[in-house]
C-alpha atoms as a PDB file:
ATOM      1  CA  UNK A   1      11.464  25.646  -6.825  1.00  0.00           C
ATOM      2  CA  UNK A   2       7.721  25.264  -6.572  1.00  0.00           C
ATOM      3  CA  UNK A   3       5.237  28.003  -5.720  1.00  0.00           C
ATOM      4  CA  UNK A   4       3.975  28.164  -2.156  1.00  0.00           C
ATOM      5  CA  UNK A   5       0.346  28.899  -1.511  1.00  0.00           C
ATOM      6  CA  UNK A   6      -0.759  31.729   0.762  1.00  0.00           C
ATOM      7  CA  UNK A   7      -2.362  29.555   3.453  1.00  0.00           C
ATOM      8  CA  UNK A   8       0.661  27.270   3.668  1.00  0.00           C
ATOM      9  CA  UNK A   9       2.898  30.287   4.220  1.00  0.00           C
ATOM     10  CA  UNK A  10       0.534  31.674   6.884  1.00  0.00           C
ATOM     11  CA  UNK A  11       0.529  28.275   8.629  1.00  0.00           C
ATOM     12  CA  UNK A  12       4.335  28.122   8.645  1.00  0.00           C
ATOM     13  CA  UNK A  13       4.631  31.662  10.024  1.00  0.00           C
ATOM     14  CA  UNK A  14       1.892  31.073  12.631  1.00  0.00           C
ATOM     15  CA  UNK A  15       3.733  27.955  13.789  1.00  0.00           C
ATOM     16  CA  UNK A  16       6.977  29.925  13.971  1.00  0.00           C
ATOM     17  CA  UNK A  17       6.466  31.124  17.534  1.00  0.00           C
ATOM     18  CA  UNK A  18       9.335  28.891  18.516  1.00  0.00           C
ATOM     19  CA  UNK A  19      12.931  29.571  17.495  1.00  0.00           C
ATOM     20  CA  UNK A  20      15.847  27.460  16.364  1.00  0.00           C
ATOM     21  CA  UNK A  21      17.113  25.884  19.618  1.00  0.00           C
ATOM     22  CA  UNK A  22      20.718  26.023  18.424  1.00  0.00           C
ATOM     23  CA  UNK A  23      20.910  29.635  17.281  1.00  0.00           C
ATOM     24  CA  UNK A  24      17.782  31.193  18.755  1.00  0.00           C
ATOM     25  CA  UNK A  25      17.152  32.678  15.314  1.00  0.00           C
ATOM     26  CA  UNK A  26      13.550  33.004  14.231  1.00  0.00           C
ATOM     27  CA  UNK A  27      14.650  33.894  10.697  1.00  0.00           C
ATOM     28  CA  UNK A  28      16.870  30.814  10.476  1.00  0.00           C
ATOM     29  CA  UNK A  29      14.114  28.574  11.771  1.00  0.00           C
ATOM     30  CA  UNK A  30      11.582  30.036   9.323  1.00  0.00           C
ATOM     31  CA  UNK A  31      14.017  29.669   6.410  1.00  0.00           C
ATOM     32  CA  UNK A  32      14.596  26.005   7.327  1.00  0.00           C
ATOM     33  CA  UNK A  33      10.829  25.392   7.437  1.00  0.00           C
ATOM     34  CA  UNK A  34      10.286  27.036   4.057  1.00  0.00           C
ATOM     35  CA  UNK A  35      13.162  25.164   2.435  1.00  0.00           C
ATOM     36  CA  UNK A  36      11.780  21.859   3.742  1.00  0.00           C
ATOM     37  CA  UNK A  37       8.284  22.743   2.495  1.00  0.00           C
ATOM     38  CA  UNK A  38       9.566  23.751  -0.933  1.00  0.00           C
ATOM     39  CA  UNK A  39      11.534  20.501  -1.277  1.00  0.00           C
ATOM     40  CA  UNK A  40       8.313  18.501  -1.291  1.00  0.00           C
ATOM     41  CA  UNK A  41       7.507  17.275  -4.796  1.00  0.00           C
ATOM     42  CA  UNK A  42       4.711  19.065  -6.576  1.00  0.00           C
ATOM     43  CA  UNK A  43       4.956  17.928 -10.151  1.00  0.00           C
ATOM     44  CA  UNK A  44       2.698  15.697 -12.182  1.00  0.00           C
ATOM     45  CA  UNK A  45       4.453  12.833 -13.948  1.00  0.00           C
ATOM     46  CA  UNK A  46       3.088  11.334 -17.154  1.00  0.00           C
ATOM     47  CA  UNK A  47       2.761   7.551 -17.088  1.00  0.00           C
ATOM     48  CA  UNK A  48       4.374   7.694 -20.532  1.00  0.00           C
ATOM     49  CA  UNK A  49       7.546   9.106 -18.914  1.00  0.00           C
ATOM     50  CA  UNK A  50       7.730   6.803 -15.894  1.00  0.00           C
ATOM     51  CA  UNK A  51       5.697   4.915 -13.333  1.00  0.00           C
ATOM     52  CA  UNK A  52       5.855   5.364  -9.563  1.00  0.00           C
ATOM     53  CA  UNK A  53       7.702   2.913  -7.355  1.00  0.00           C
ATOM     54  CA  UNK A  54       5.765  -0.329  -7.184  1.00  0.00           C
ATOM     55  CA  UNK A  55       3.043  -0.377  -4.498  1.00  0.00           C
ATOM     56  CA  UNK A  56       3.608   3.282  -3.533  1.00  0.00           C
ATOM     57  CA  UNK A  57       0.358   5.207  -2.998  1.00  0.00           C
ATOM     58  CA  UNK A  58       0.185   8.256  -5.287  1.00  0.00           C
ATOM     59  CA  UNK A  59      -2.366  10.801  -6.454  1.00  0.00           C
ATOM     60  CA  UNK A  60      -3.586   9.817  -9.942  1.00  0.00           C
ATOM     61  CA  UNK A  61      -5.576  11.437 -12.704  1.00  0.00           C
ATOM     62  CA  UNK A  62      -7.843   8.632 -13.847  1.00  0.00           C
ATOM     63  CA  UNK A  63     -10.342   7.963 -16.641  1.00  0.00           C
ATOM     64  CA  UNK A  64     -12.662   5.049 -17.228  1.00  0.00           C
ATOM     65  CA  UNK A  65     -15.638   3.139 -15.882  1.00  0.00           C
ATOM     66  CA  UNK A  66     -15.118   1.651 -12.422  1.00  0.00           C
ATOM     67  CA  UNK A  67     -18.790   0.522 -12.520  1.00  0.00           C
ATOM     68  CA  UNK A  68     -21.222   0.070 -15.404  1.00  0.00           C
ATOM     69  CA  UNK A  69     -23.150   3.258 -14.570  1.00  0.00           C
ATOM     70  CA  UNK A  70     -20.180   5.377 -13.414  1.00  0.00           C
ATOM     71  CA  UNK A  71     -17.727   7.116 -15.747  1.00  0.00           C
ATOM     72  CA  UNK A  72     -14.764   9.064 -14.415  1.00  0.00           C
ATOM     73  CA  UNK A  73     -13.085  11.718 -16.540  1.00  0.00           C
ATOM     74  CA  UNK A  74      -9.872  13.284 -15.223  1.00  0.00           C
ATOM     75  CA  UNK A  75     -10.807  12.175 -11.701  1.00  0.00           C
ATOM     76  CA  UNK A  76      -8.328  12.644  -8.862  1.00  0.00           C
ATOM     77  CA  UNK A  77      -7.911   9.291  -7.121  1.00  0.00           C
ATOM     78  CA  UNK A  78      -5.422   7.703  -4.738  1.00  0.00           C
ATOM     79  CA  UNK A  79      -3.917   4.609  -6.309  1.00  0.00           C
ATOM     80  CA  UNK A  80      -0.817   2.515  -6.682  1.00  0.00           C
ATOM     81  CA  UNK A  81       0.997   0.778  -9.524  1.00  0.00           C
ATOM     82  CA  UNK A  82       1.620  -2.939  -9.321  1.00  0.00           C
ATOM     83  CA  UNK A  83       3.507  -4.710 -12.119  1.00  0.00           C
ATOM     84  CA  UNK A  84       1.294  -7.797 -11.840  1.00  0.00           C
ATOM     85  CA  UNK A  85      -2.116  -6.150 -11.450  1.00  0.00           C
ATOM     86  CA  UNK A  86      -1.609  -2.716 -13.036  1.00  0.00           C
ATOM     87  CA  UNK A  87      -3.196   0.332 -11.415  1.00  0.00           C
ATOM     88  CA  UNK A  88      -5.119  -0.311  -8.209  1.00  0.00           C
ATOM     89  CA  UNK A  89      -7.382   2.589  -7.270  1.00  0.00           C
ATOM     90  CA  UNK A  90      -8.179   2.823  -3.533  1.00  0.00           C
ATOM     91  CA  UNK A  91     -11.790   3.898  -3.963  1.00  0.00           C
ATOM     92  CA  UNK A  92     -12.489   1.227  -6.610  1.00  0.00           C
ATOM     93  CA  UNK A  93     -10.307  -1.795  -5.632  1.00  0.00           C
ATOM     94  CA  UNK A  94     -12.017  -4.183  -8.076  1.00  0.00           C
ATOM     95  CA  UNK A  95     -11.656  -1.812 -11.071  1.00  0.00           C
ATOM     96  CA  UNK A  96      -9.438  -3.708 -13.496  1.00  0.00           C
ATOM     97  CA  UNK A  97      -8.879  -1.303 -16.392  1.00  0.00           C
ATOM     98  CA  UNK A  98      -8.308   2.100 -14.799  1.00  0.00           C
ATOM     99  CA  UNK A  99      -6.688   4.475 -17.279  1.00  0.00           C
ATOM    100  CA  UNK A 100      -4.182   6.581 -15.346  1.00  0.00           C
ATOM    101  CA  UNK A 101      -2.557   9.346 -17.383  1.00  0.00           C
ATOM    102  CA  UNK A 102      -0.679  11.316 -14.691  1.00  0.00           C
ATOM    103  CA  UNK A 103       0.462  10.712 -11.133  1.00  0.00           C
ATOM    104  CA  UNK A 104       2.082  12.694  -8.300  1.00  0.00           C
ATOM    105  CA  UNK A 105       3.744  11.607  -5.077  1.00  0.00           C
ATOM    106  CA  UNK A 106       1.761  12.346  -1.949  1.00  0.00           C
ATOM    107  CA  UNK A 107       3.146  14.846   0.549  1.00  0.00           C
ATOM    108  CA  UNK A 108       4.225  13.739   3.988  1.00  0.00           C
ATOM    109  CA  UNK A 109       1.388  14.020   6.522  1.00  0.00           C
ATOM    110  CA  UNK A 110       1.558  17.016   8.842  1.00  0.00           C
ATOM    111  CA  UNK A 111       3.265  16.714  12.171  1.00  0.00           C
ATOM    112  CA  UNK A 112       0.748  15.663  14.796  1.00  0.00           C
ATOM    113  CA  UNK A 113       0.332  18.221  17.523  1.00  0.00           C
ATOM    114  CA  UNK A 114      -1.028  17.496  20.981  1.00  0.00           C
ATOM    115  CA  UNK A 115      -4.657  18.480  21.452  1.00  0.00           C
ATOM    116  CA  UNK A 116      -5.034  21.474  23.742  1.00  0.00           C
ATOM    117  CA  UNK A 117      -7.778  20.979  26.235  1.00  0.00           C
ATOM    118  CA  UNK A 118      -9.575  23.943  27.728  1.00  0.00           C
END
């Protein structure tokens, strides 16, 4: 199980004003939310161990020179692996020799909530 950060826990509890519609149990609803949060992957994977699914956007730790006057060292970048083209880094799409050492799947985006208007 992965650690949960303080703000994430506060956000889950603050959002817990509703209850489980089936049981009416706040504790059950909160436990379900925490279990779902903790299931999200939070581990770095070495490219030496395995590569992500082809064309899946992931968070990468990248080294190299995307431009002649720019050097990145252990930079966090969004990128994807493609068997034909190698690593494609979103911020530097024409960078051909990005050296990715680690990658991590991206979390699911948060649930969109309606905007409350005054």
